[in-house]
Protein backbone atom coordinates (compact mmCIF):
# COMPACT_ATOMS: atom_id res chain seq x y z
CA UNK A 1 -15.93 -1.32 -29.70
CA UNK A 2 -18.78 -0.16 -27.42
CA UNK A 3 -18.80 -0.21 -23.64
CA UNK A 4 -21.39 -3.01 -23.53
CA UNK A 5 -19.17 -5.33 -25.54
CA UNK A 6 -16.13 -4.37 -23.51
CA UNK A 7 -17.86 -5.48 -20.33
CA UNK A 8 -17.81 -9.08 -21.55
CA UNK A 9 -14.15 -9.09 -22.58
CA UNK A 10 -11.63 -10.85 -20.38
CA UNK A 11 -9.24 -7.92 -20.74
CA UNK A 12 -11.45 -4.87 -20.35
CA UNK A 13 -10.56 -1.19 -20.52
CA UNK A 14 -8.52 -0.08 -17.48
CA UNK A 15 -9.02 3.67 -18.16
CA UNK A 16 -5.36 4.60 -17.80
CA UNK A 17 -5.82 8.04 -19.36
CA UNK A 18 -9.40 9.03 -18.54
CA UNK A 19 -11.88 8.92 -15.63
CA UNK A 20 -13.83 5.70 -15.15
CA UNK A 21 -17.32 6.36 -16.59
CA UNK A 22 -20.20 6.11 -14.10
CA UNK A 23 -21.69 3.13 -15.94
CA UNK A 24 -18.40 1.21 -15.60
CA UNK A 25 -18.12 1.50 -11.82
CA UNK A 26 -18.04 -1.67 -9.73
CA UNK A 27 -20.29 -2.88 -6.91
CA UNK A 28 -19.52 -2.20 -3.24
CA UNK A 29 -18.55 -5.86 -2.80
CA UNK A 30 -16.13 -5.74 -5.74
CA UNK A 31 -14.38 -2.56 -4.58
CA UNK A 32 -14.26 -3.74 -0.98
CA UNK A 33 -12.74 -7.04 -2.12
CA UNK A 34 -9.99 -5.13 -3.90
CA UNK A 35 -8.92 -3.40 -0.70
CA UNK A 36 -9.68 -6.04 1.96
CA UNK A 37 -7.42 -8.62 0.34
CA UNK A 38 -4.48 -6.24 0.03
CA UNK A 39 -3.33 -5.64 3.65
CA UNK A 40 -4.33 -9.00 5.18
CA UNK A 41 -0.94 -10.44 4.29
CA UNK A 42 2.10 -12.20 5.71
CA UNK A 43 4.07 -8.93 5.71
CA UNK A 44 1.46 -7.34 7.96
CA UNK A 45 1.84 -10.20 10.42
CA UNK A 46 5.62 -9.80 10.37
CA UNK A 47 5.25 -6.07 11.05
CA UNK A 48 2.84 -6.74 13.92
CA UNK A 49 5.31 -9.21 15.40
CA UNK A 50 8.15 -6.68 15.14
CA UNK A 51 6.07 -4.07 16.96
CA UNK A 52 4.95 -6.40 19.75
CA UNK A 53 8.48 -7.73 20.16
CA UNK A 54 9.76 -4.19 20.58
CA UNK A 55 6.95 -2.68 22.67
CA UNK A 56 5.20 -5.55 24.38
CA UNK A 57 1.71 -6.75 23.51
CA UNK A 58 -0.48 -4.02 25.05
CA UNK A 59 1.58 -1.02 23.89
CA UNK A 60 2.16 -2.73 20.55
CA UNK A 61 -1.58 -3.17 20.08
CA UNK A 62 -2.13 0.51 20.85
CA UNK A 63 0.45 1.50 18.23
CA UNK A 64 -1.25 -0.74 15.67
CA UNK A 65 -4.67 0.78 16.38
CA UNK A 66 -3.38 4.34 16.18
CA UNK A 67 -1.40 3.69 13.01
CA UNK A 68 -4.42 2.12 11.33
CA UNK A 69 -6.68 4.97 12.42
CA UNK A 70 -4.27 7.40 10.75
CA UNK A 71 -4.24 5.22 7.64
CA UNK A 72 -8.02 5.22 7.48
CA UNK A 73 -8.20 9.01 7.70
CA UNK A 74 -5.43 9.51 5.14
CA UNK A 75 -6.36 6.80 2.64
CA UNK A 76 -10.08 7.32 3.16
CA UNK A 77 -10.01 10.97 2.10
CA UNK A 78 -7.93 10.14 -0.97
CA UNK A 79 -10.23 7.21 -1.76
CA UNK A 80 -13.31 9.40 -1.62
CA UNK A 81 -11.69 11.82 -4.06
CA UNK A 82 -11.00 8.94 -6.44
CA UNK A 83 -14.61 7.80 -6.38
CA UNK A 84 -15.90 11.36 -6.67
CA UNK A 85 -14.12 12.04 -9.96
CA UNK A 86 -13.26 8.57 -11.26
CA UNK A 87 -9.61 9.64 -11.53
CA UNK A 88 -6.63 7.35 -11.07
CA UNK A 89 -3.72 8.66 -9.00
CA UNK A 90 -1.94 10.32 -11.93
CA UNK A 91 -5.06 12.24 -12.95
CA UNK A 92 -5.72 13.10 -9.32
CA UNK A 93 -2.18 14.35 -8.76
CA UNK A 94 -2.22 16.44 -11.93
CA UNK A 95 -4.92 18.66 -10.41
CA UNK A 96 -2.63 19.52 -7.51
CA UNK A 97 0.87 19.39 -9.02
CA UNK A 98 0.06 20.41 -12.60
CA UNK A 99 -0.43 18.68 -15.96
CA UNK A 100 3.32 17.98 -16.14
CA UNK A 101 4.26 18.35 -12.49
CA UNK A 102 2.23 15.28 -11.53
CA UNK A 103 4.87 13.14 -13.25
CA UNK A 104 7.30 13.70 -10.38
CA UNK A 105 5.04 12.27 -7.68
CA UNK A 106 3.48 9.66 -9.95
CA UNK A 107 6.82 8.38 -11.21
CA UNK A 108 8.20 8.22 -7.67
CA UNK A 109 5.27 6.26 -6.23
CA UNK A 110 4.84 4.09 -9.32
CA UNK A 111 8.49 3.10 -9.02
CA UNK A 112 8.38 2.47 -5.28
CA UNK A 113 5.48 0.03 -5.63
CA UNK A 114 7.55 -1.98 -8.09
CA UNK A 115 10.07 -2.22 -5.27
CA UNK A 116 7.30 -3.67 -3.10
CA UNK A 117 6.40 -6.08 -5.88
CA UNK A 118 10.01 -7.24 -5.88
CA UNK A 119 10.13 -7.49 -2.08
CA UNK A 120 7.02 -9.68 -1.88
CA UNK A 121 8.08 -11.82 -4.85
CA UNK A 122 11.45 -12.34 -3.18
CA UNK A 123 9.71 -13.22 0.08
CA UNK A 124 7.86 -15.99 -1.75
CA UNK A 125 11.17 -17.58 -2.71
CA UNK A 126 12.74 -17.07 0.73
CA UNK A 127 9.74 -18.62 2.50
CA UNK A 128 9.54 -21.63 0.21
CA UNK A 129 13.29 -22.21 0.32
CA UNK A 130 13.36 -22.06 4.11
CA UNK A 131 10.46 -24.48 4.48
CA UNK A 132 11.18 -27.04 1.76
CA UNK A 133 14.85 -26.55 0.78
CA UNK A 134 13.86 -25.82 -2.82
CA UNK A 135 15.79 -23.51 -5.15
CA UNK A 136 14.99 -19.98 -4.05
CA UNK A 137 15.70 -18.27 -7.37
CA UNK A 138 13.56 -20.78 -9.27
CA UNK A 139 10.61 -20.13 -6.96
CA UNK A 140 11.09 -16.37 -7.30
CA UNK A 141 10.97 -16.67 -11.10
CA UNK A 142 7.87 -18.90 -11.09
CA UNK A 143 6.08 -16.71 -8.56
CA UNK A 144 6.94 -13.53 -10.44
CA UNK A 145 5.54 -14.87 -13.71
CA UNK A 146 2.34 -15.98 -11.96
CA UNK A 147 1.90 -12.59 -10.30
CA UNK A 148 2.48 -10.72 -13.56
CA UNK A 149 -0.06 -12.95 -15.31
CA UNK A 150 -2.62 -12.19 -12.62
CA UNK A 151 -2.07 -8.44 -12.92
CA UNK A 152 -2.59 -8.58 -16.68
CA UNK A 153 -6.23 -9.48 -16.02
CA UNK A 154 -6.73 -6.02 -14.52
CA UNK A 155 -9.02 -4.68 -11.81
CA UNK A 156 -11.34 -7.69 -11.93
CA UNK A 157 -8.52 -10.02 -10.94
CA UNK A 158 -7.66 -7.82 -7.94
CA UNK A 159 -11.22 -8.15 -6.72
CA UNK A 160 -11.36 -11.92 -7.22
CA UNK A 161 -8.05 -12.67 -5.52
CA UNK A 162 -9.11 -10.48 -2.59
CA UNK A 163 -12.23 -12.61 -2.13
CA UNK A 164 -10.02 -15.70 -1.90
CA UNK A 165 -6.98 -14.30 -0.10
CA UNK A 166 -8.63 -12.58 2.88
CA UNK A 167 -10.71 -15.56 4.15
CA UNK A 168 -7.80 -17.94 3.56
CA UNK A 169 -5.47 -15.73 5.60
CA UNK A 170 -8.04 -15.38 8.38
CA UNK A 171 -8.61 -19.14 8.66
CA UNK A 172 -4.96 -20.16 8.52
CA UNK A 173 -3.87 -17.18 10.61
CA UNK A 174 -6.22 -18.19 13.42
CA UNK A 175 -4.97 -21.76 13.09
CA UNK A 176 -1.38 -20.52 13.44
CA UNK A 177 -2.38 -18.46 16.49
CA UNK A 178 -3.93 -21.54 18.07
CA UNK A 179 -0.77 -23.55 17.47
CA UNK A 180 1.47 -20.79 18.82
CA UNK A 181 -0.72 -20.24 21.88
CA UNK A 182 -0.18 -23.89 22.78
CA UNK A 183 3.26 -22.91 24.07
CA UNK A 184 1.56 -21.69 27.21
CA UNK A 185 3.15 -18.26 27.39
CA UNK A 186 0.92 -15.41 28.59
CA UNK A 187 0.18 -13.18 25.61
CA UNK A 188 -1.40 -10.07 27.12
CA UNK A 189 1.36 -9.70 29.71
CA UNK A 190 4.19 -10.09 27.20
CA UNK A 191 6.50 -7.11 27.80
CA UNK A 192 8.61 -7.38 24.67
CA UNK A 193 12.31 -7.97 24.27
CA UNK A 194 14.81 -5.81 26.12
CA UNK A 195 17.30 -6.59 23.36
CA UNK A 196 15.11 -5.10 20.59
CA UNK A 197 13.42 -2.00 22.04
CA UNK A 198 11.22 0.11 19.77
CA UNK A 199 10.01 3.67 20.32
CA UNK A 200 6.22 3.94 20.36
CA UNK A 201 5.95 6.57 17.63
CA UNK A 202 8.43 4.70 15.47
CA UNK A 203 6.05 1.72 15.70
CA UNK A 204 3.18 3.94 14.57
CA UNK A 205 5.31 4.97 11.59
CA UNK A 206 5.96 1.31 10.74
CA UNK A 207 2.21 0.70 10.63
CA UNK A 208 1.57 3.76 8.48
CA UNK A 209 4.55 3.28 6.18
CA UNK A 210 3.57 -0.29 5.34
CA UNK A 211 0.82 1.08 3.07
CA UNK A 212 1.89 4.70 2.62
CA UNK A 213 2.68 4.17 -1.06
CA UNK A 214 -0.30 2.20 -2.35
CA UNK A 215 -2.46 4.01 0.20
CA UNK A 216 -1.53 7.30 -1.44
CA UNK A 217 -2.34 5.73 -4.82
CA UNK A 218 -5.66 4.36 -3.54
CA UNK A 219 -7.64 6.15 -6.25
CA UNK A 220 -6.26 3.60 -8.76
CA UNK A 221 -8.61 1.19 -6.95
CA UNK A 222 -11.42 3.36 -5.58
CA UNK A 223 -12.04 5.26 -8.85
CA UNK A 224 -14.08 2.15 -9.65
CA UNK A 225 -16.44 2.78 -6.69
CA UNK A 226 -19.91 4.11 -7.48
CA UNK A 227 -19.69 6.90 -4.92
CA UNK A 228 -17.42 8.26 -2.15
CA UNK A 229 -19.39 6.40 0.54
CA UNK A 230 -18.57 3.06 -1.09
CA UNK A 231 -14.94 4.12 -1.34
CA UNK A 232 -14.82 4.89 2.39
CA UNK A 233 -16.38 1.55 3.27
CA UNK A 234 -13.82 -0.24 1.09
CA UNK A 235 -11.02 1.70 2.78
CA UNK A 236 -12.37 0.87 6.24
CA UNK A 237 -12.34 -2.82 5.34
CA UNK A 238 -8.59 -2.46 4.82
CA UNK A 239 -7.74 0.07 7.57
CA UNK A 240 -8.28 -0.78 10.30
CA UNK A 241 -10.04 -4.11 9.75
CA UNK A 242 -7.85 -6.27 7.49
CA UNK A 243 -4.52 -4.66 8.31
CA UNK A 244 -5.16 -4.74 12.05
CA UNK A 245 -6.21 -8.39 11.95
CA UNK A 246 -3.00 -9.36 10.15
CA UNK A 247 -0.85 -7.38 12.60
CA UNK A 248 -2.59 -8.73 15.68
CA UNK A 249 -2.16 -12.30 14.44
CA UNK A 250 1.56 -11.68 13.99
CA UNK A 251 1.76 -9.97 17.37
CA UNK A 252 0.06 -12.85 19.15
CA UNK A 253 2.41 -15.37 17.54
CA UNK A 254 5.41 -13.27 18.59
CA UNK A 255 4.17 -12.99 22.17
CA UNK A 256 3.17 -16.64 22.45
CA UNK A 257 6.44 -18.00 21.09
CA UNK A 258 8.74 -15.35 22.61
CA UNK A 259 10.59 -15.32 19.29
CA UNK A 260 9.64 -11.93 17.85
CA UNK A 261 8.48 -13.54 14.62
CA UNK A 262 4.98 -13.55 13.17
CA UNK A 263 5.72 -16.21 10.58
CA UNK A 264 2.23 -17.56 9.91
CA UNK A 265 3.50 -19.63 6.99
CA UNK A 266 6.32 -21.16 9.04
CA UNK A 267 4.03 -22.16 11.89
CA UNK A 268 1.66 -23.95 9.51
CA UNK A 269 4.38 -25.64 7.46
CA UNK A 270 5.97 -26.86 10.68
CA UNK A 271 2.96 -29.10 11.29
CA UNK A 272 3.80 -31.12 8.18
CA UNK A 273 1.41 -33.35 6.24
CA UNK A 274 -1.41 -32.05 4.09
CA UNK A 275 -1.63 -28.76 5.98
CA UNK A 276 1.86 -27.90 4.71
CA UNK A 277 0.64 -28.01 1.11
CA UNK A 278 -2.33 -25.86 2.04
CA UNK A 279 0.23 -23.42 3.44
CA UNK A 280 1.98 -23.33 0.06
CA UNK A 281 -1.30 -22.40 -1.63
CA UNK A 282 -1.86 -19.80 1.06
CA UNK A 283 1.59 -18.28 0.52
CA UNK A 284 1.20 -17.89 -3.23
CA UNK A 285 -2.35 -16.55 -3.01
CA UNK A 286 -1.54 -14.19 -0.15
CA UNK A 287 1.63 -12.71 -1.62
CA UNK A 288 0.09 -12.86 -5.10
CA UNK A 289 -2.59 -10.50 -3.84
CA UNK A 290 -0.17 -7.85 -2.62
CA UNK A 291 2.13 -8.26 -5.63
CA UNK A 292 -0.69 -7.85 -8.15
CA UNK A 293 -1.98 -4.76 -6.35
CA UNK A 294 1.47 -3.14 -6.30
CA UNK A 295 2.20 -4.01 -9.91
CA UNK A 296 -1.22 -2.67 -10.94
CA UNK A 297 -0.45 0.64 -9.19
CA UNK A 298 2.90 0.90 -10.94
CA UNK A 299 1.54 -0.10 -14.34
CA UNK A 300 -1.36 2.37 -14.23
CA UNK A 301 0.97 5.17 -13.14
CA UNK A 302 3.69 4.56 -15.71
CA UNK A 303 1.19 3.90 -18.50
CA UNK A 304 -0.31 7.35 -17.93
CA UNK A 305 3.12 8.98 -17.84
CA UNK A 306 4.32 7.24 -21.02
CA UNK A 307 1.00 7.26 -22.90
CA UNK A 308 0.96 3.47 -23.17
CA UNK A 309 -1.42 0.73 -22.02
CA UNK A 310 -1.52 -0.67 -18.50
CA UNK A 311 -0.87 -4.20 -19.71
CA UNK A 312 2.20 -3.17 -21.70
CA UNK A 313 3.70 -1.57 -18.60
CA UNK A 314 2.68 -4.60 -16.51
CA UNK A 315 4.93 -6.80 -18.64
CA UNK A 316 7.83 -4.34 -18.60
CA UNK A 317 7.67 -3.45 -14.91
CA UNK A 318 6.92 -7.04 -13.92
CA UNK A 319 10.10 -8.20 -15.67
CA UNK A 320 12.10 -5.50 -13.86
CA UNK A 321 10.52 -6.48 -10.54
CA UNK A 322 11.37 -10.16 -11.02
CA UNK A 323 15.00 -9.29 -11.73
CA UNK A 324 15.15 -7.11 -8.61
CA UNK A 325 13.65 -9.94 -6.55
CA UNK A 326 16.24 -12.38 -7.84
CA UNK A 327 18.94 -9.88 -6.87
CA UNK A 328 17.71 -10.03 -3.27
CA UNK A 329 15.86 -6.75 -2.65
CA UNK A 330 14.02 -8.51 0.21
CA UNK A 331 17.11 -7.79 2.31
CA UNK A 332 16.33 -4.05 2.13
CA UNK A 333 12.79 -4.34 3.49
CA UNK A 334 13.27 -2.04 6.48
CA UNK A 335 15.06 0.51 4.30
CA UNK A 336 11.97 0.69 2.10
CA UNK A 337 9.77 1.30 5.14
CA UNK A 338 11.98 4.14 6.35
CA UNK A 339 12.07 5.76 2.91
CA UNK A 340 8.29 5.59 2.51
CA UNK A 341 7.70 6.97 5.98
CA UNK A 342 9.65 10.11 5.13
CA UNK A 343 8.88 11.13 1.55
CA UNK A 344 5.46 9.71 0.68
CA UNK A 345 2.90 10.89 3.30
CA UNK A 346 3.35 14.62 2.48
CA UNK A 347 2.20 13.94 -1.11
CA UNK A 348 -1.21 12.65 -0.10
CA UNK A 349 -1.55 15.25 2.65
CA UNK A 350 -1.07 18.09 0.15
CA UNK A 351 -3.56 16.54 -2.31
CA UNK A 352 -6.13 16.19 0.48
CA UNK A 353 -5.74 19.81 1.62
CA UNK A 354 -5.69 21.12 -1.94
CA UNK A 355 -8.73 19.26 -3.26
CA UNK A 356 -10.87 18.96 -0.13
CA UNK A 357 -10.16 22.37 1.43
CA UNK A 358 -8.04 25.01 -0.29
CA UNK A 359 -9.36 24.72 -3.86
CA UNK A 360 -12.43 22.59 -3.33
CA UNK A 361 -14.61 24.78 -5.53
CA UNK A 362 -12.11 24.87 -8.40
CA UNK A 363 -9.37 22.30 -8.93
CA UNK A 364 -9.01 22.73 -12.67
CA UNK A 365 -5.64 21.85 -14.18
CA UNK A 366 -4.61 25.39 -15.05
CA UNK A 367 -0.81 25.08 -15.17
CA UNK A 368 1.99 22.76 -16.21
CA UNK A 369 3.61 23.04 -12.77
CA UNK A 370 2.15 24.29 -9.50
CA UNK A 371 5.21 25.09 -7.43
CA UNK A 372 3.66 25.59 -4.00
CA UNK A 373 2.64 21.93 -3.62
CA UNK A 374 6.21 20.95 -4.50
CA UNK A 375 7.60 23.43 -1.99
CA UNK A 376 5.31 22.12 0.75
CA UNK A 377 6.27 18.55 -0.14
CA UNK A 378 9.96 19.43 0.14
CA UNK A 379 9.48 21.21 3.46
CA UNK A 380 7.50 18.30 4.90
CA UNK A 381 9.99 15.69 3.73
CA UNK A 382 12.91 17.74 5.07
CA UNK A 383 11.21 18.03 8.46
CA UNK A 384 10.61 14.28 8.50
CA UNK A 385 14.25 13.61 7.63
CA UNK A 386 15.43 15.90 10.41
CA UNK A 387 13.11 14.13 12.84
CA UNK A 388 14.41 10.77 11.67
CA UNK A 389 18.04 11.66 12.43
CA UNK A 390 17.75 14.16 15.28
CA UNK A 391 14.65 12.92 17.12
CA UNK A 392 14.59 9.14 16.57
CA UNK A 393 11.68 8.62 18.94
CA UNK A 394 9.30 10.72 16.83
CA UNK A 395 7.03 9.51 14.03
CA UNK A 396 8.54 10.66 10.75
CA UNK A 397 5.25 10.02 8.95
CA UNK A 398 3.21 12.23 11.28
CA UNK A 399 5.91 14.90 11.32
CA UNK A 400 6.06 15.02 7.53
CA UNK A 401 2.28 15.19 7.22
CA UNK A 402 1.83 17.95 9.80
CA UNK A 403 4.64 20.13 8.48
CA UNK A 404 3.76 19.71 4.80
CA UNK A 405 0.09 20.34 5.57
CA UNK A 406 0.87 23.47 7.56
CA UNK A 407 3.24 24.74 4.88
CA UNK A 408 0.72 24.27 2.10
CA UNK A 409 -2.09 25.75 4.17
CA UNK A 410 -0.06 28.91 4.81
CA UNK A 411 0.65 29.27 1.09
CA UNK A 412 -2.77 28.27 -0.21
CA UNK A 413 -4.53 31.61 0.13
CA UNK A 414 -1.78 33.66 -1.51
CA UNK A 415 -1.77 34.44 -5.25
CA UNK A 416 -0.99 31.29 -7.18
CA UNK A 417 2.62 30.61 -8.15
CA UNK A 418 2.56 28.38 -11.23
CA UNK A 419 4.16 27.83 -14.57
CA UNK A 420 1.29 28.70 -16.95
CA UNK A 421 0.50 26.36 -19.82
CA UNK A 422 -0.07 29.28 -22.16
CA UNK A 423 -0.41 33.02 -22.18
CA UNK A 424 -4.11 32.67 -21.58
CA UNK A 425 -3.76 30.39 -18.59
CA UNK A 426 -4.87 31.50 -15.17
CA UNK A 427 -2.10 33.01 -13.01
């Protein structure tokens, strides 16, 4: 079937195994909608509340701004690469790690995002159960099926739900802020809780780690952009704009209520009446947005690895994610953040240095495995782990990025160490 006919199909080609053709790229509005609706979520508000509760409002706000600035630089450069070549993350990673080596990073990230899918699906059940005393597991199952169905519609659905989710969060988030502010507590002067102190650079890591995984896989979304400029604008709409808004809303609620929670949904539901049912719609749309994005990342990645279709992997991975949510993976939320902050940022850092600097003129896939990127990744992750256990006040994300970047930079100009695909491959 031709491209013209495919454009009018409900389930169009998702280009799991090839670059997105120039004539299939999306508008700036469509690509921006994909990213802007992703980070403006309940989880972002909860993270913002945690940071403000631990640091106080002013220092917490500074940590949020710095973390989002780092996210923009990191995700923005990867996004521009995706738009430049039309490659999804797996294709992008294969240029740096090798035609087979990419599977290691792609499988890792594509699996971690399914964990996030499970976390957010579980959060749907926890939130509904706490507010309405309904069966948590039943809600998790219903929500999971709805989120899988949305993801099956592909990249178009991610754009459409972003258009709905972001304005809805902004309106109801501001409403929740207004209700919380009615407590009369001074927000700007809130000093945080002495019982839950948080190191400044650890807070920056929390901001960064919240989207380290899907941020590294951003090319799954921005490969649809018409040019790198559009990809950067879409990224900016997410970091700092959408993510910072969500975190600030949570931070204000935490400071105004002195509770350390940024539960936007809980504040709205607490008002009762019709607004409570609007809150239910908000919860499903908001968490449906993040779940569909994460599941899309995982499905695109695993479909490329296995040679299958994105929608086939959506059904398989979605089923796994629902089971994990029912088993209560929400309880390991902070563990996920710590894991992502250590092992994921070096991957994107190495890809950025490799494709924007070290081998900008020639990033052909000339080997099955390129060992130096793996070595730099290991060195960076090891440094981040050491920082995590020996220097708990440091940012593991920044440490891992700096060390992995320096390691790869030092190795980049030496003769290539790679496992050649054939005798005629480049050394």
